[in-house]
N, C-alpha and C. Protein backbone atom coordinates (compact mmCIF):
# COMPACT_ATOMS: atom_id res chain seq x y z
N MET A 1 42.08 8.00 39.13
CA MET A 1 41.56 8.14 37.78
C MET A 1 40.71 6.94 37.40
N ARG A 2 41.19 5.76 37.77
CA ARG A 2 40.45 4.53 37.44
C ARG A 2 39.09 4.52 38.12
N ARG A 3 39.03 4.97 39.35
CA ARG A 3 37.77 5.03 40.10
C ARG A 3 36.80 5.99 39.41
N PHE A 4 37.31 7.10 38.90
CA PHE A 4 36.47 8.07 38.20
C PHE A 4 35.86 7.47 36.93
N VAL A 5 36.66 6.76 36.17
CA VAL A 5 36.19 6.14 34.93
C VAL A 5 35.12 5.08 35.23
N ILE A 6 35.35 4.27 36.26
CA ILE A 6 34.37 3.25 36.63
C ILE A 6 33.06 3.89 37.07
N THR A 7 33.13 4.96 37.84
CA THR A 7 31.94 5.67 38.27
C THR A 7 31.21 6.28 37.09
N LEU A 8 31.93 6.87 36.18
CA LEU A 8 31.33 7.48 34.99
C LEU A 8 30.61 6.43 34.14
N LEU A 9 31.24 5.30 33.93
CA LEU A 9 30.61 4.23 33.15
C LEU A 9 29.37 3.68 33.85
N SER A 10 29.42 3.55 35.15
CA SER A 10 28.26 3.06 35.91
C SER A 10 27.09 4.02 35.80
N VAL A 11 27.35 5.31 35.95
CA VAL A 11 26.29 6.31 35.85
C VAL A 11 25.72 6.35 34.44
N SER A 12 26.56 6.27 33.43
CA SER A 12 26.06 6.32 32.06
C SER A 12 25.25 5.07 31.71
N ALA A 13 25.59 3.93 32.28
CA ALA A 13 24.83 2.70 32.02
C ALA A 13 23.42 2.80 32.59
N VAL A 14 23.28 3.44 33.74
CA VAL A 14 21.97 3.62 34.37
C VAL A 14 21.22 4.77 33.72
N ALA A 15 21.91 5.84 33.41
CA ALA A 15 21.25 7.03 32.86
C ALA A 15 20.89 6.87 31.39
N GLY A 16 21.57 6.00 30.67
CA GLY A 16 21.30 5.81 29.24
C GLY A 16 19.86 5.50 28.93
N PRO A 17 19.29 4.42 29.48
CA PRO A 17 17.89 4.11 29.20
C PRO A 17 16.93 5.18 29.70
N ALA A 18 17.27 5.80 30.83
CA ALA A 18 16.39 6.82 31.37
C ALA A 18 16.37 8.07 30.49
N ALA A 19 17.48 8.36 29.82
CA ALA A 19 17.58 9.56 29.00
C ALA A 19 17.12 9.35 27.57
N ALA A 20 16.78 8.12 27.20
CA ALA A 20 16.37 7.83 25.83
C ALA A 20 15.07 8.55 25.50
N GLU A 21 14.98 9.04 24.29
CA GLU A 21 13.75 9.69 23.84
C GLU A 21 13.38 9.13 22.48
N THR A 22 12.07 8.96 22.25
CA THR A 22 11.59 8.41 21.00
C THR A 22 11.59 9.49 19.93
N ARG A 23 12.12 9.15 18.76
CA ARG A 23 12.18 10.08 17.63
C ARG A 23 11.49 9.42 16.44
N TYR A 24 10.87 10.24 15.58
CA TYR A 24 10.23 9.78 14.35
C TYR A 24 10.88 10.54 13.19
N LEU A 25 11.69 9.84 12.41
CA LEU A 25 12.48 10.47 11.36
C LEU A 25 11.95 10.04 10.00
N ALA A 26 11.58 11.00 9.17
CA ALA A 26 10.96 10.71 7.88
C ALA A 26 11.98 10.86 6.75
N TYR A 27 11.87 9.93 5.78
CA TYR A 27 12.76 9.91 4.62
C TYR A 27 11.93 9.67 3.36
N ASP A 28 12.36 10.29 2.26
CA ASP A 28 11.75 10.07 0.94
C ASP A 28 12.68 9.22 0.11
N ALA A 29 12.10 8.39 -0.76
CA ALA A 29 12.90 7.58 -1.67
C ALA A 29 13.68 8.50 -2.61
N SER A 30 14.94 8.17 -2.85
CA SER A 30 15.75 9.05 -3.70
C SER A 30 16.10 8.44 -5.05
N ASP A 31 15.67 7.21 -5.31
CA ASP A 31 15.89 6.63 -6.64
C ASP A 31 14.68 5.78 -7.02
N ARG A 32 14.66 5.34 -8.27
CA ARG A 32 13.49 4.63 -8.80
C ARG A 32 13.26 3.28 -8.12
N ILE A 33 14.32 2.56 -7.83
CA ILE A 33 14.17 1.26 -7.19
C ILE A 33 13.57 1.42 -5.79
N THR A 34 14.09 2.35 -5.03
CA THR A 34 13.57 2.58 -3.68
C THR A 34 12.13 3.05 -3.74
N GLN A 35 11.82 3.93 -4.68
CA GLN A 35 10.45 4.43 -4.80
C GLN A 35 9.48 3.30 -5.17
N ALA A 36 9.90 2.39 -6.00
CA ALA A 36 9.04 1.27 -6.39
C ALA A 36 8.75 0.35 -5.20
N LEU A 37 9.69 0.24 -4.28
CA LEU A 37 9.52 -0.67 -3.15
C LEU A 37 8.89 -0.01 -1.93
N THR A 38 9.28 1.21 -1.62
CA THR A 38 8.83 1.79 -0.34
C THR A 38 8.32 3.22 -0.41
N ARG A 39 8.59 3.94 -1.46
CA ARG A 39 8.25 5.36 -1.59
C ARG A 39 8.90 6.18 -0.48
N GLY A 40 8.36 6.14 0.70
CA GLY A 40 8.94 6.88 1.81
C GLY A 40 8.76 6.09 3.09
N ILE A 41 9.65 6.34 4.05
CA ILE A 41 9.56 5.64 5.32
C ILE A 41 9.73 6.62 6.48
N THR A 42 9.25 6.22 7.62
CA THR A 42 9.52 6.90 8.87
C THR A 42 10.14 5.88 9.80
N LEU A 43 11.25 6.23 10.40
CA LEU A 43 11.91 5.36 11.36
C LEU A 43 11.53 5.79 12.76
N GLU A 44 11.04 4.86 13.54
CA GLU A 44 10.79 5.13 14.96
C GLU A 44 11.99 4.60 15.71
N GLY A 45 12.62 5.45 16.46
CA GLY A 45 13.82 5.02 17.15
C GLY A 45 14.02 5.73 18.46
N ASP A 46 14.96 5.24 19.20
CA ASP A 46 15.32 5.83 20.49
C ASP A 46 16.66 6.52 20.36
N ARG A 47 16.69 7.74 20.85
CA ARG A 47 17.95 8.48 20.88
C ARG A 47 18.54 8.33 22.26
N GLY A 48 19.73 7.79 22.32
CA GLY A 48 20.38 7.52 23.58
C GLY A 48 21.06 8.75 24.17
N LEU A 49 21.71 8.54 25.28
CA LEU A 49 22.37 9.60 26.03
C LEU A 49 23.42 10.34 25.20
N PHE A 50 24.14 9.62 24.34
CA PHE A 50 25.20 10.24 23.55
C PHE A 50 24.77 10.58 22.13
N GLY A 51 23.46 10.53 21.84
CA GLY A 51 22.92 10.97 20.56
C GLY A 51 22.73 9.89 19.51
N ALA A 52 23.19 8.67 19.76
CA ALA A 52 23.00 7.59 18.79
C ALA A 52 21.53 7.19 18.73
N ILE A 53 21.04 6.93 17.53
CA ILE A 53 19.64 6.55 17.34
C ILE A 53 19.57 5.07 16.99
N THR A 54 18.83 4.31 17.80
CA THR A 54 18.59 2.89 17.56
C THR A 54 17.17 2.75 17.05
N VAL A 55 17.00 2.16 15.88
CA VAL A 55 15.69 2.05 15.22
C VAL A 55 14.91 0.89 15.83
N ARG A 56 13.60 1.13 16.08
CA ARG A 56 12.71 0.09 16.61
C ARG A 56 11.71 -0.39 15.57
N SER A 57 11.25 0.51 14.72
CA SER A 57 10.29 0.10 13.70
C SER A 57 10.38 1.01 12.48
N ILE A 58 9.87 0.48 11.37
CA ILE A 58 9.79 1.21 10.12
C ILE A 58 8.32 1.39 9.81
N ILE A 59 7.93 2.63 9.55
CA ILE A 59 6.53 2.97 9.27
C ILE A 59 6.45 3.50 7.85
N SER A 60 5.51 2.99 7.07
CA SER A 60 5.32 3.49 5.72
C SER A 60 4.67 4.86 5.80
N THR A 61 5.23 5.84 5.10
CA THR A 61 4.65 7.18 5.11
C THR A 61 3.71 7.40 3.92
N SER A 62 3.56 6.40 3.06
CA SER A 62 2.67 6.57 1.92
C SER A 62 1.49 5.60 1.97
N ALA A 63 1.54 4.62 2.82
CA ALA A 63 0.46 3.66 2.97
C ALA A 63 0.46 3.17 4.41
N ARG A 64 -0.60 2.55 4.82
CA ARG A 64 -0.64 2.05 6.19
C ARG A 64 0.21 0.81 6.32
N GLY A 65 0.95 0.77 7.38
CA GLY A 65 1.76 -0.40 7.64
C GLY A 65 3.03 -0.03 8.38
N SER A 66 3.46 -0.93 9.22
CA SER A 66 4.72 -0.74 9.93
C SER A 66 5.30 -2.10 10.25
N ALA A 67 6.58 -2.15 10.40
CA ALA A 67 7.26 -3.40 10.72
C ALA A 67 8.23 -3.14 11.86
N ASP A 68 8.19 -4.03 12.84
CA ASP A 68 9.15 -3.94 13.94
C ASP A 68 10.47 -4.53 13.48
N ILE A 69 11.54 -3.90 13.89
CA ILE A 69 12.87 -4.44 13.64
C ILE A 69 13.63 -4.39 14.95
N ARG A 70 14.55 -5.31 15.11
CA ARG A 70 15.36 -5.30 16.32
C ARG A 70 16.84 -5.35 15.93
N ILE A 71 17.62 -4.69 16.71
CA ILE A 71 19.04 -4.62 16.41
C ILE A 71 19.67 -5.99 16.62
N GLY A 72 20.57 -6.33 15.71
CA GLY A 72 21.28 -7.60 15.79
C GLY A 72 20.81 -8.59 14.74
N GLY A 73 21.56 -9.63 14.60
CA GLY A 73 21.27 -10.67 13.63
C GLY A 73 22.54 -11.42 13.30
N PRO A 74 22.45 -12.42 12.43
CA PRO A 74 23.63 -13.21 12.10
C PRO A 74 24.66 -12.42 11.28
N ASP A 75 25.92 -12.68 11.55
CA ASP A 75 26.99 -11.97 10.85
C ASP A 75 27.02 -12.31 9.36
N GLY A 76 26.44 -13.45 8.98
CA GLY A 76 26.37 -13.82 7.57
C GLY A 76 25.61 -12.80 6.74
N ALA A 77 24.65 -12.13 7.35
CA ALA A 77 23.90 -11.08 6.64
C ALA A 77 24.82 -9.91 6.29
N ARG A 78 25.70 -9.56 7.19
CA ARG A 78 26.64 -8.47 6.93
C ARG A 78 27.66 -8.86 5.86
N ARG A 79 28.06 -10.10 5.86
CA ARG A 79 29.05 -10.57 4.87
C ARG A 79 28.47 -10.64 3.46
N ALA A 80 27.14 -10.64 3.33
CA ALA A 80 26.52 -10.72 2.00
C ALA A 80 26.40 -9.35 1.32
N LEU A 81 26.81 -8.30 1.99
CA LEU A 81 26.71 -6.96 1.41
C LEU A 81 27.63 -6.81 0.21
N PRO A 82 27.24 -5.96 -0.74
CA PRO A 82 28.11 -5.73 -1.90
C PRO A 82 29.42 -5.04 -1.49
N ARG A 83 30.43 -5.27 -2.27
CA ARG A 83 31.74 -4.67 -2.01
C ARG A 83 31.61 -3.14 -1.97
N GLY A 84 32.24 -2.54 -1.01
CA GLY A 84 32.22 -1.09 -0.89
C GLY A 84 31.09 -0.54 -0.02
N SER A 85 30.22 -1.40 0.49
CA SER A 85 29.14 -0.93 1.36
C SER A 85 29.72 -0.45 2.68
N THR A 86 29.22 0.67 3.15
CA THR A 86 29.72 1.23 4.40
C THR A 86 28.74 1.04 5.56
N GLU A 87 27.59 0.46 5.30
CA GLU A 87 26.59 0.26 6.33
C GLU A 87 27.03 -0.90 7.23
N THR A 88 26.85 -0.76 8.55
CA THR A 88 27.33 -1.78 9.46
C THR A 88 26.34 -2.19 10.55
N ILE A 89 25.27 -1.43 10.75
CA ILE A 89 24.36 -1.73 11.86
C ILE A 89 23.27 -2.68 11.36
N LEU A 90 23.27 -3.89 11.89
CA LEU A 90 22.40 -4.96 11.42
C LEU A 90 21.10 -5.01 12.24
N TYR A 91 19.98 -5.08 11.52
CA TYR A 91 18.66 -5.20 12.14
C TYR A 91 17.95 -6.41 11.54
N THR A 92 17.17 -7.11 12.35
CA THR A 92 16.36 -8.22 11.90
C THR A 92 14.92 -7.75 11.75
N VAL A 93 14.32 -7.99 10.59
CA VAL A 93 12.92 -7.61 10.36
C VAL A 93 12.04 -8.68 11.01
N SER A 94 11.13 -8.25 11.87
CA SER A 94 10.24 -9.18 12.54
C SER A 94 9.32 -9.85 11.53
N PRO A 95 9.16 -11.17 11.60
CA PRO A 95 8.30 -11.85 10.63
C PRO A 95 6.80 -11.72 10.96
N GLU A 96 6.45 -11.10 12.06
CA GLU A 96 5.05 -10.94 12.43
C GLU A 96 4.45 -9.69 11.78
N GLY A 97 3.16 -9.71 11.56
CA GLY A 97 2.42 -8.56 11.05
C GLY A 97 2.94 -8.08 9.70
N ASP A 98 3.09 -6.77 9.59
CA ASP A 98 3.54 -6.16 8.34
C ASP A 98 5.01 -6.45 8.03
N GLY A 99 5.74 -6.96 9.00
CA GLY A 99 7.14 -7.32 8.76
C GLY A 99 7.26 -8.42 7.71
N ARG A 100 6.29 -9.30 7.69
CA ARG A 100 6.29 -10.37 6.68
C ARG A 100 6.15 -9.78 5.28
N GLY A 101 5.24 -8.82 5.12
CA GLY A 101 5.07 -8.18 3.81
C GLY A 101 6.30 -7.40 3.40
N LEU A 102 6.93 -6.71 4.35
CA LEU A 102 8.15 -5.98 4.05
C LEU A 102 9.25 -6.94 3.60
N SER A 103 9.38 -8.05 4.30
CA SER A 103 10.39 -9.05 3.94
C SER A 103 10.16 -9.59 2.53
N ARG A 104 8.91 -9.87 2.21
CA ARG A 104 8.58 -10.39 0.87
C ARG A 104 8.85 -9.36 -0.22
N ALA A 105 8.58 -8.10 0.09
CA ALA A 105 8.81 -7.05 -0.91
C ALA A 105 10.30 -6.83 -1.15
N LEU A 106 11.08 -6.84 -0.08
CA LEU A 106 12.52 -6.57 -0.21
C LEU A 106 13.31 -7.76 -0.73
N CYS A 107 12.97 -8.95 -0.27
CA CYS A 107 13.71 -10.16 -0.64
C CYS A 107 12.73 -11.28 -0.98
N PRO A 108 12.11 -11.23 -2.16
CA PRO A 108 11.14 -12.26 -2.53
C PRO A 108 11.77 -13.65 -2.52
N GLY A 109 11.10 -14.58 -1.87
CA GLY A 109 11.58 -15.95 -1.81
C GLY A 109 12.44 -16.27 -0.61
N SER A 110 12.82 -15.27 0.16
CA SER A 110 13.66 -15.53 1.33
C SER A 110 12.79 -15.92 2.53
N GLU A 111 13.42 -16.59 3.49
CA GLU A 111 12.71 -16.97 4.70
C GLU A 111 12.78 -15.88 5.76
N GLN A 112 13.83 -15.08 5.73
CA GLN A 112 14.02 -14.02 6.72
C GLN A 112 14.73 -12.86 6.04
N ALA A 113 14.37 -11.65 6.42
CA ALA A 113 15.02 -10.46 5.86
C ALA A 113 15.72 -9.68 6.96
N TYR A 114 16.80 -9.04 6.55
CA TYR A 114 17.60 -8.21 7.45
C TYR A 114 17.86 -6.89 6.76
N LEU A 115 17.97 -5.83 7.54
CA LEU A 115 18.36 -4.52 7.03
C LEU A 115 19.68 -4.13 7.67
N VAL A 116 20.58 -3.65 6.86
CA VAL A 116 21.85 -3.15 7.37
C VAL A 116 21.88 -1.66 7.06
N LEU A 117 21.91 -0.86 8.12
CA LEU A 117 21.85 0.59 7.99
C LEU A 117 23.18 1.21 8.37
N GLY A 118 23.39 2.40 7.87
CA GLY A 118 24.49 3.21 8.37
C GLY A 118 24.02 3.90 9.63
N ARG A 119 24.83 4.76 10.17
CA ARG A 119 24.44 5.50 11.36
C ARG A 119 23.30 6.45 11.00
N VAL A 120 22.21 6.40 11.75
CA VAL A 120 21.05 7.25 11.51
C VAL A 120 21.32 8.61 12.14
N ARG A 121 21.26 9.66 11.29
CA ARG A 121 21.55 11.02 11.76
C ARG A 121 20.49 11.98 11.26
N LEU A 122 20.16 12.95 12.07
CA LEU A 122 19.20 13.97 11.66
C LEU A 122 19.76 14.77 10.50
N GLY A 123 18.91 15.03 9.51
CA GLY A 123 19.29 15.87 8.39
C GLY A 123 20.21 15.23 7.37
N ARG A 124 20.47 13.95 7.48
CA ARG A 124 21.38 13.27 6.56
C ARG A 124 20.64 12.20 5.76
N PRO A 125 21.09 11.92 4.53
CA PRO A 125 20.49 10.82 3.76
C PRO A 125 20.74 9.49 4.46
N LEU A 126 19.98 8.49 4.05
CA LEU A 126 20.07 7.16 4.65
C LEU A 126 20.16 6.11 3.55
N THR A 127 21.04 5.16 3.72
CA THR A 127 21.13 4.02 2.83
C THR A 127 20.87 2.76 3.64
N ALA A 128 20.00 1.90 3.12
CA ALA A 128 19.69 0.64 3.77
C ALA A 128 19.95 -0.50 2.80
N GLN A 129 20.66 -1.50 3.26
CA GLN A 129 20.92 -2.68 2.46
C GLN A 129 19.99 -3.79 2.95
N ALA A 130 19.22 -4.38 2.04
CA ALA A 130 18.35 -5.50 2.40
C ALA A 130 19.06 -6.80 2.05
N VAL A 131 19.08 -7.72 3.00
CA VAL A 131 19.71 -9.02 2.83
C VAL A 131 18.70 -10.08 3.24
N GLY A 132 18.65 -11.18 2.50
CA GLY A 132 17.73 -12.26 2.83
C GLY A 132 18.47 -13.55 3.14
N ARG A 133 17.80 -14.39 3.95
CA ARG A 133 18.32 -15.73 4.22
C ARG A 133 17.36 -16.72 3.59
N TRP A 134 17.88 -17.57 2.71
CA TRP A 134 17.06 -18.53 2.00
C TRP A 134 16.99 -19.85 2.75
N ALA A 135 16.13 -20.75 2.29
CA ALA A 135 15.89 -22.02 2.96
C ALA A 135 17.15 -22.88 3.09
N ASP A 136 18.09 -22.72 2.16
CA ASP A 136 19.33 -23.51 2.24
C ASP A 136 20.36 -22.88 3.18
N GLY A 137 19.99 -21.77 3.83
CA GLY A 137 20.88 -21.13 4.80
C GLY A 137 21.80 -20.08 4.23
N THR A 138 21.78 -19.86 2.93
CA THR A 138 22.66 -18.85 2.34
C THR A 138 22.05 -17.46 2.49
N PHE A 139 22.93 -16.49 2.61
CA PHE A 139 22.53 -15.09 2.69
C PHE A 139 22.83 -14.45 1.35
N ARG A 140 21.89 -13.65 0.85
CA ARG A 140 22.08 -12.95 -0.41
C ARG A 140 21.63 -11.51 -0.27
N HIS A 141 22.41 -10.63 -0.89
CA HIS A 141 22.01 -9.22 -0.94
C HIS A 141 20.82 -9.08 -1.87
N CYS A 142 19.78 -8.37 -1.44
CA CYS A 142 18.57 -8.23 -2.25
C CYS A 142 18.50 -6.89 -2.96
N VAL A 143 18.65 -5.80 -2.23
CA VAL A 143 18.48 -4.48 -2.82
C VAL A 143 19.12 -3.42 -1.93
N THR A 144 19.56 -2.34 -2.57
CA THR A 144 20.04 -1.17 -1.85
C THR A 144 18.96 -0.11 -1.93
N LEU A 145 18.54 0.39 -0.78
CA LEU A 145 17.51 1.43 -0.70
C LEU A 145 18.17 2.75 -0.33
N SER A 146 17.86 3.79 -1.10
CA SER A 146 18.46 5.10 -0.86
C SER A 146 17.37 6.12 -0.54
N TYR A 147 17.58 6.85 0.53
CA TYR A 147 16.58 7.82 0.99
C TYR A 147 17.22 9.19 1.22
N THR A 148 16.42 10.23 1.01
CA THR A 148 16.83 11.59 1.36
C THR A 148 16.05 12.01 2.60
N TRP A 149 16.67 12.84 3.39
CA TRP A 149 16.06 13.33 4.62
C TRP A 149 14.84 14.17 4.31
N ARG A 150 13.76 13.94 5.00
CA ARG A 150 12.54 14.72 4.82
C ARG A 150 12.27 15.60 6.03
N GLY A 151 12.41 15.05 7.23
CA GLY A 151 12.16 15.83 8.43
C GLY A 151 11.86 14.92 9.61
N GLU A 152 11.52 15.55 10.70
CA GLU A 152 11.21 14.81 11.90
C GLU A 152 9.76 15.05 12.27
N TRP A 153 9.05 13.98 12.58
CA TRP A 153 7.66 14.09 13.01
C TRP A 153 7.61 14.55 14.45
N ALA A 154 6.64 15.37 14.77
CA ALA A 154 6.42 15.78 16.15
C ALA A 154 5.74 14.66 16.94
N ALA A 155 4.98 13.82 16.24
CA ALA A 155 4.27 12.69 16.84
C ALA A 155 4.28 11.56 15.82
N PRO A 156 3.87 10.35 16.21
CA PRO A 156 3.85 9.26 15.23
C PRO A 156 2.97 9.61 14.04
N PRO A 157 3.37 9.22 12.82
CA PRO A 157 2.57 9.52 11.63
C PRO A 157 1.23 8.79 11.67
N ALA A 158 0.20 9.43 11.14
CA ALA A 158 -1.14 8.86 11.13
C ALA A 158 -1.27 7.76 10.09
N GLY A 159 -0.42 7.75 9.10
CA GLY A 159 -0.45 6.69 8.08
C GLY A 159 -1.52 6.91 7.04
N GLY A 160 -1.34 7.86 6.22
CA GLY A 160 -2.28 8.11 5.15
C GLY A 160 -1.57 8.70 3.97
N PRO A 161 -2.21 8.73 2.81
CA PRO A 161 -1.53 9.24 1.62
C PRO A 161 -1.32 10.76 1.65
N ASN A 162 -2.06 11.50 2.44
CA ASN A 162 -1.93 12.94 2.45
C ASN A 162 -1.11 13.39 3.66
N ASP A 163 0.19 13.19 3.60
CA ASP A 163 1.06 13.56 4.71
C ASP A 163 2.11 14.58 4.29
N SER A 164 1.82 15.34 3.26
CA SER A 164 2.83 16.19 2.64
C SER A 164 3.43 17.23 3.59
N GLY A 165 2.69 17.70 4.57
CA GLY A 165 3.24 18.75 5.41
C GLY A 165 3.52 18.32 6.82
N ALA A 166 3.47 17.03 7.13
CA ALA A 166 3.55 16.58 8.50
C ALA A 166 4.91 16.69 9.15
N PRO A 167 6.00 16.31 8.51
CA PRO A 167 7.28 16.35 9.20
C PRO A 167 7.74 17.77 9.49
N ILE A 168 8.44 17.89 10.56
CA ILE A 168 9.04 19.17 10.94
C ILE A 168 10.48 19.11 10.46
N GLY A 169 10.84 19.93 9.50
CA GLY A 169 12.20 19.91 8.96
C GLY A 169 13.22 20.40 9.96
N ARG A 170 14.37 19.76 9.96
CA ARG A 170 15.47 20.18 10.84
C ARG A 170 16.75 20.20 10.07
C-alpha cells in the first residue's frame, strides 16, 4: 500500500504542471466600494490536476491594465485581516507595471500590497482582502473587495470598455 501511495504522489507531481490549463475568469463588482476601485476584473489563472485555480494576474475588464500577482507573501499580511475573514490564499502584487497603480489604488501610502483570496471557483462569488505594508513594517487591512461571477472568457480579454458580451457564462 505504501508503495502505491508513493507512486501515486510521484505521478501527480509530474502530471500536475503538464495538466495545468490557463483559465480567464471574469467578475463584476458587487458593491459600491469595489465598483469605485475596480469595477470588474478578470483573473488569469492555472487550473491544476485536481481543479484548484492558482491566479497569475488580474486584468481590468473596464479599462486597459493588468497586474501580475504571485502566490505567497509574509504571514503578517494574513494576520492583518479583519476578524471573521475566511480568505486564506495570499498573493503578492507585483510592483512593476500596472501592479504599482493597483497597489496605490487599493492601499494608498503603502510600500507593498497583498491580496488575500478565498478559493477561486467557477460560478461562485469572490471576495478579496487588500492588505498593505507600510514603511515602518506594519501591515494594515485596506479594503474588502466583493465580486459576483460574470463568466469565463474563451480567450484573454482585449481590454476595452465595450466587453459586455465577451465572457462565456458557466
